[in-house]
Amino acid sequence: DQVDSAAHLAAPGALNIEYPPTLFAAGLSGLVVAEYVVDTLGHVEEGTFSLVSSTHPLFSEAVRMALPRAGYVPARRQGGRVRQLVHQPFEFTAPKRDHR
């Protein structure tokens, strides 16, 4: 089913994912690709989180923990709000380390 407008984060800071401290300290970057359903109220539906791929289990867990607190603008079709399966990448970028 096509939508007129896709579900998207309500604001740039609407998803506060905590960088796993051990991976941050090690300077490791990573990528998580997840799927989940955003309901008609803009919430991630409980039990719909699915991991497509991940470079580290701690990154996966950070995304899984953050999604229930995220605020989304629901998808719309023909003027009404609809549930939508979202396929989303989450990138973790470690700061560049100074190797002097």
C-alpha atoms as a PDB file:
ATOM      1  CA  ASP A   1       0.000   0.000   0.000  1.00  0.00           C
ATOM      2  CA  GLN A   2       1.345   3.382  -1.012  1.00  0.00           C
ATOM      3  CA  VAL A   3       1.095   6.361   1.323  1.00  0.00           C
ATOM      4  CA  ASP A   4       0.804  10.044   0.429  1.00  0.00           C
ATOM      5  CA  SER A   5       3.393  10.979   3.067  1.00  0.00           C
ATOM      6  CA  ALA A   6       5.683   8.568   4.893  1.00  0.00           C
ATOM      7  CA  ALA A   7       6.089   8.350   8.660  1.00  0.00           C
ATOM      8  CA  HIS A   8       9.040  10.439   9.817  1.00  0.00           C
ATOM      9  CA  LEU A   9      10.595  11.733  13.016  1.00  0.00           C
ATOM     10  CA  ALA A  10       8.649  14.652  14.467  1.00  0.00           C
ATOM     11  CA  ALA A  11      11.804  16.703  15.059  1.00  0.00           C
ATOM     12  CA  PRO A  12      15.573  16.276  14.595  1.00  0.00           C
ATOM     13  CA  GLY A  13      16.007  15.467  18.302  1.00  0.00           C
ATOM     14  CA  ALA A  14      12.938  13.225  18.484  1.00  0.00           C
ATOM     15  CA  LEU A  15      15.080  10.104  18.622  1.00  0.00           C
ATOM     16  CA  ASN A  16      17.683  10.187  21.342  1.00  0.00           C
ATOM     17  CA  ILE A  17      19.881   7.115  20.852  1.00  0.00           C
ATOM     18  CA  GLU A  18      22.578   6.658  23.448  1.00  0.00           C
ATOM     19  CA  TYR A  19      25.937   5.777  21.882  1.00  0.00           C
ATOM     20  CA  PRO A  20      27.181   2.638  23.675  1.00  0.00           C
ATOM     21  CA  PRO A  21      29.944   4.030  25.943  1.00  0.00           C
ATOM     22  CA  THR A  22      32.391   1.163  25.360  1.00  0.00           C
ATOM     23  CA  LEU A  23      32.091   1.484  21.568  1.00  0.00           C
ATOM     24  CA  PHE A  24      32.368   5.279  21.753  1.00  0.00           C
ATOM     25  CA  ALA A  25      35.504   5.004  23.917  1.00  0.00           C
ATOM     26  CA  ALA A  26      36.981   2.514  21.438  1.00  0.00           C
ATOM     27  CA  GLY A  27      36.253   4.891  18.555  1.00  0.00           C
ATOM     28  CA  LEU A  28      34.041   2.353  16.785  1.00  0.00           C
ATOM     29  CA  SER A  29      31.455   3.540  14.270  1.00  0.00           C
ATOM     30  CA  GLY A  30      28.586   1.381  13.120  1.00  0.00           C
ATOM     31  CA  LEU A  31      25.305   0.965  11.320  1.00  0.00           C
ATOM     32  CA  VAL A  32      22.009  -0.590  12.335  1.00  0.00           C
ATOM     33  CA  VAL A  33      19.185  -1.176   9.863  1.00  0.00           C
ATOM     34  CA  ALA A  34      15.852  -1.815  11.552  1.00  0.00           C
ATOM     35  CA  GLU A  35      12.201  -2.258  10.631  1.00  0.00           C
ATOM     36  CA  TYR A  36       9.273  -1.341  12.833  1.00  0.00           C
ATOM     37  CA  VAL A  37       5.691  -0.123  12.573  1.00  0.00           C
ATOM     38  CA  VAL A  38       4.759   3.486  13.331  1.00  0.00           C
ATOM     39  CA  ASP A  39       1.113   3.634  14.405  1.00  0.00           C
ATOM     40  CA  THR A  40      -1.514   6.287  13.641  1.00  0.00           C
ATOM     41  CA  LEU A  41      -0.530   8.255  16.764  1.00  0.00           C
ATOM     42  CA  GLY A  42       3.163   8.433  15.834  1.00  0.00           C
ATOM     43  CA  HIS A  43       4.407   5.773  18.242  1.00  0.00           C
ATOM     44  CA  VAL A  44       6.529   2.745  17.421  1.00  0.00           C
ATOM     45  CA  GLU A  45       4.228  -0.244  17.963  1.00  0.00           C
ATOM     46  CA  GLU A  46       5.436  -2.529  20.716  1.00  0.00           C
ATOM     47  CA  GLY A  47       6.727  -5.855  19.458  1.00  0.00           C
ATOM     48  CA  THR A  48       7.258  -4.712  15.849  1.00  0.00           C
ATOM     49  CA  PHE A  49      11.008  -4.001  16.066  1.00  0.00           C
ATOM     50  CA  SER A  50      12.989  -6.228  13.741  1.00  0.00           C
ATOM     51  CA  LEU A  51      16.710  -6.102  13.093  1.00  0.00           C
ATOM     52  CA  VAL A  52      17.656  -6.200   9.400  1.00  0.00           C
ATOM     53  CA  SER A  53      21.413  -5.798   9.946  1.00  0.00           C
ATOM     54  CA  SER A  54      23.870  -4.450  12.490  1.00  0.00           C
ATOM     55  CA  THR A  55      27.599  -4.020  12.820  1.00  0.00           C
ATOM     56  CA  HIS A  56      27.534  -4.647  16.600  1.00  0.00           C
ATOM     57  CA  PRO A  57      24.961  -6.013  19.099  1.00  0.00           C
ATOM     58  CA  LEU A  58      25.420  -2.989  21.408  1.00  0.00           C
ATOM     59  CA  PHE A  59      24.397  -0.639  18.571  1.00  0.00           C
ATOM     60  CA  SER A  60      21.307  -2.810  17.945  1.00  0.00           C
ATOM     61  CA  GLU A  61      20.339  -2.656  21.609  1.00  0.00           C
ATOM     62  CA  ALA A  62      20.782   1.138  21.713  1.00  0.00           C
ATOM     63  CA  VAL A  63      18.356   1.546  18.792  1.00  0.00           C
ATOM     64  CA  ARG A  64      15.872  -0.973  20.253  1.00  0.00           C
ATOM     65  CA  MET A  65      15.850   0.889  23.582  1.00  0.00           C
ATOM     66  CA  ALA A  66      15.428   4.360  22.001  1.00  0.00           C
ATOM     67  CA  LEU A  67      12.582   3.631  19.566  1.00  0.00           C
ATOM     68  CA  PRO A  68       9.724   3.348  22.105  1.00  0.00           C
ATOM     69  CA  ARG A  69      10.505   6.910  23.283  1.00  0.00           C
ATOM     70  CA  ALA A  70      10.695   8.349  19.749  1.00  0.00           C
ATOM     71  CA  GLY A  71       8.090  10.753  18.423  1.00  0.00           C
ATOM     72  CA  TYR A  72       6.994  10.318  14.817  1.00  0.00           C
ATOM     73  CA  VAL A  73       4.616  12.066  12.463  1.00  0.00           C
ATOM     74  CA  PRO A  74       2.404   9.199  11.260  1.00  0.00           C
ATOM     75  CA  ALA A  75       2.112   8.248   7.598  1.00  0.00           C
ATOM     76  CA  ARG A  76      -0.900   9.623   5.736  1.00  0.00           C
ATOM     77  CA  ARG A  77      -3.027   8.219   2.952  1.00  0.00           C
ATOM     78  CA  GLN A  78      -6.004  10.027   1.423  1.00  0.00           C
ATOM     79  CA  GLY A  79      -5.968  12.594   4.225  1.00  0.00           C
ATOM     80  CA  GLY A  80      -6.026  10.073   7.081  1.00  0.00           C
ATOM     81  CA  ARG A  81      -3.355   8.690   9.358  1.00  0.00           C
ATOM     82  CA  VAL A  82      -2.246   5.132   8.657  1.00  0.00           C
ATOM     83  CA  ARG A  83       0.140   2.608  10.182  1.00  0.00           C
ATOM     84  CA  GLN A  84       3.372   2.160   8.247  1.00  0.00           C
ATOM     85  CA  LEU A  85       6.235  -0.304   8.253  1.00  0.00           C
ATOM     86  CA  VAL A  86       9.407   1.789   8.418  1.00  0.00           C
ATOM     87  CA  HIS A  87      12.764   0.504   7.132  1.00  0.00           C
ATOM     88  CA  GLN A  88      15.367   2.802   8.705  1.00  0.00           C
ATOM     89  CA  PRO A  89      19.167   2.972   8.917  1.00  0.00           C
ATOM     90  CA  PHE A  90      20.748   4.355  12.092  1.00  0.00           C
ATOM     91  CA  GLU A  91      24.356   5.470  11.785  1.00  0.00           C
ATOM     92  CA  PHE A  92      26.758   5.714  14.707  1.00  0.00           C
ATOM     93  CA  THR A  93      29.786   7.864  13.940  1.00  0.00           C
ATOM     94  CA  ALA A  94      32.641   7.861  16.411  1.00  0.00           C
ATOM     95  CA  PRO A  95      34.751  10.997  16.705  1.00  0.00           C
ATOM     96  CA  LYS A  96      37.975  10.959  14.749  1.00  0.00           C
ATOM     97  CA  ARG A  97      40.827   9.994  17.008  1.00  0.00           C
ATOM     98  CA  ASP A  98      44.049  11.943  17.109  1.00  0.00           C
ATOM     99  CA  HIS A  99      46.941   9.480  16.687  1.00  0.00           C
ATOM    100  CA  ARG A 100      49.884  11.588  17.829  1.00  0.00           C
END
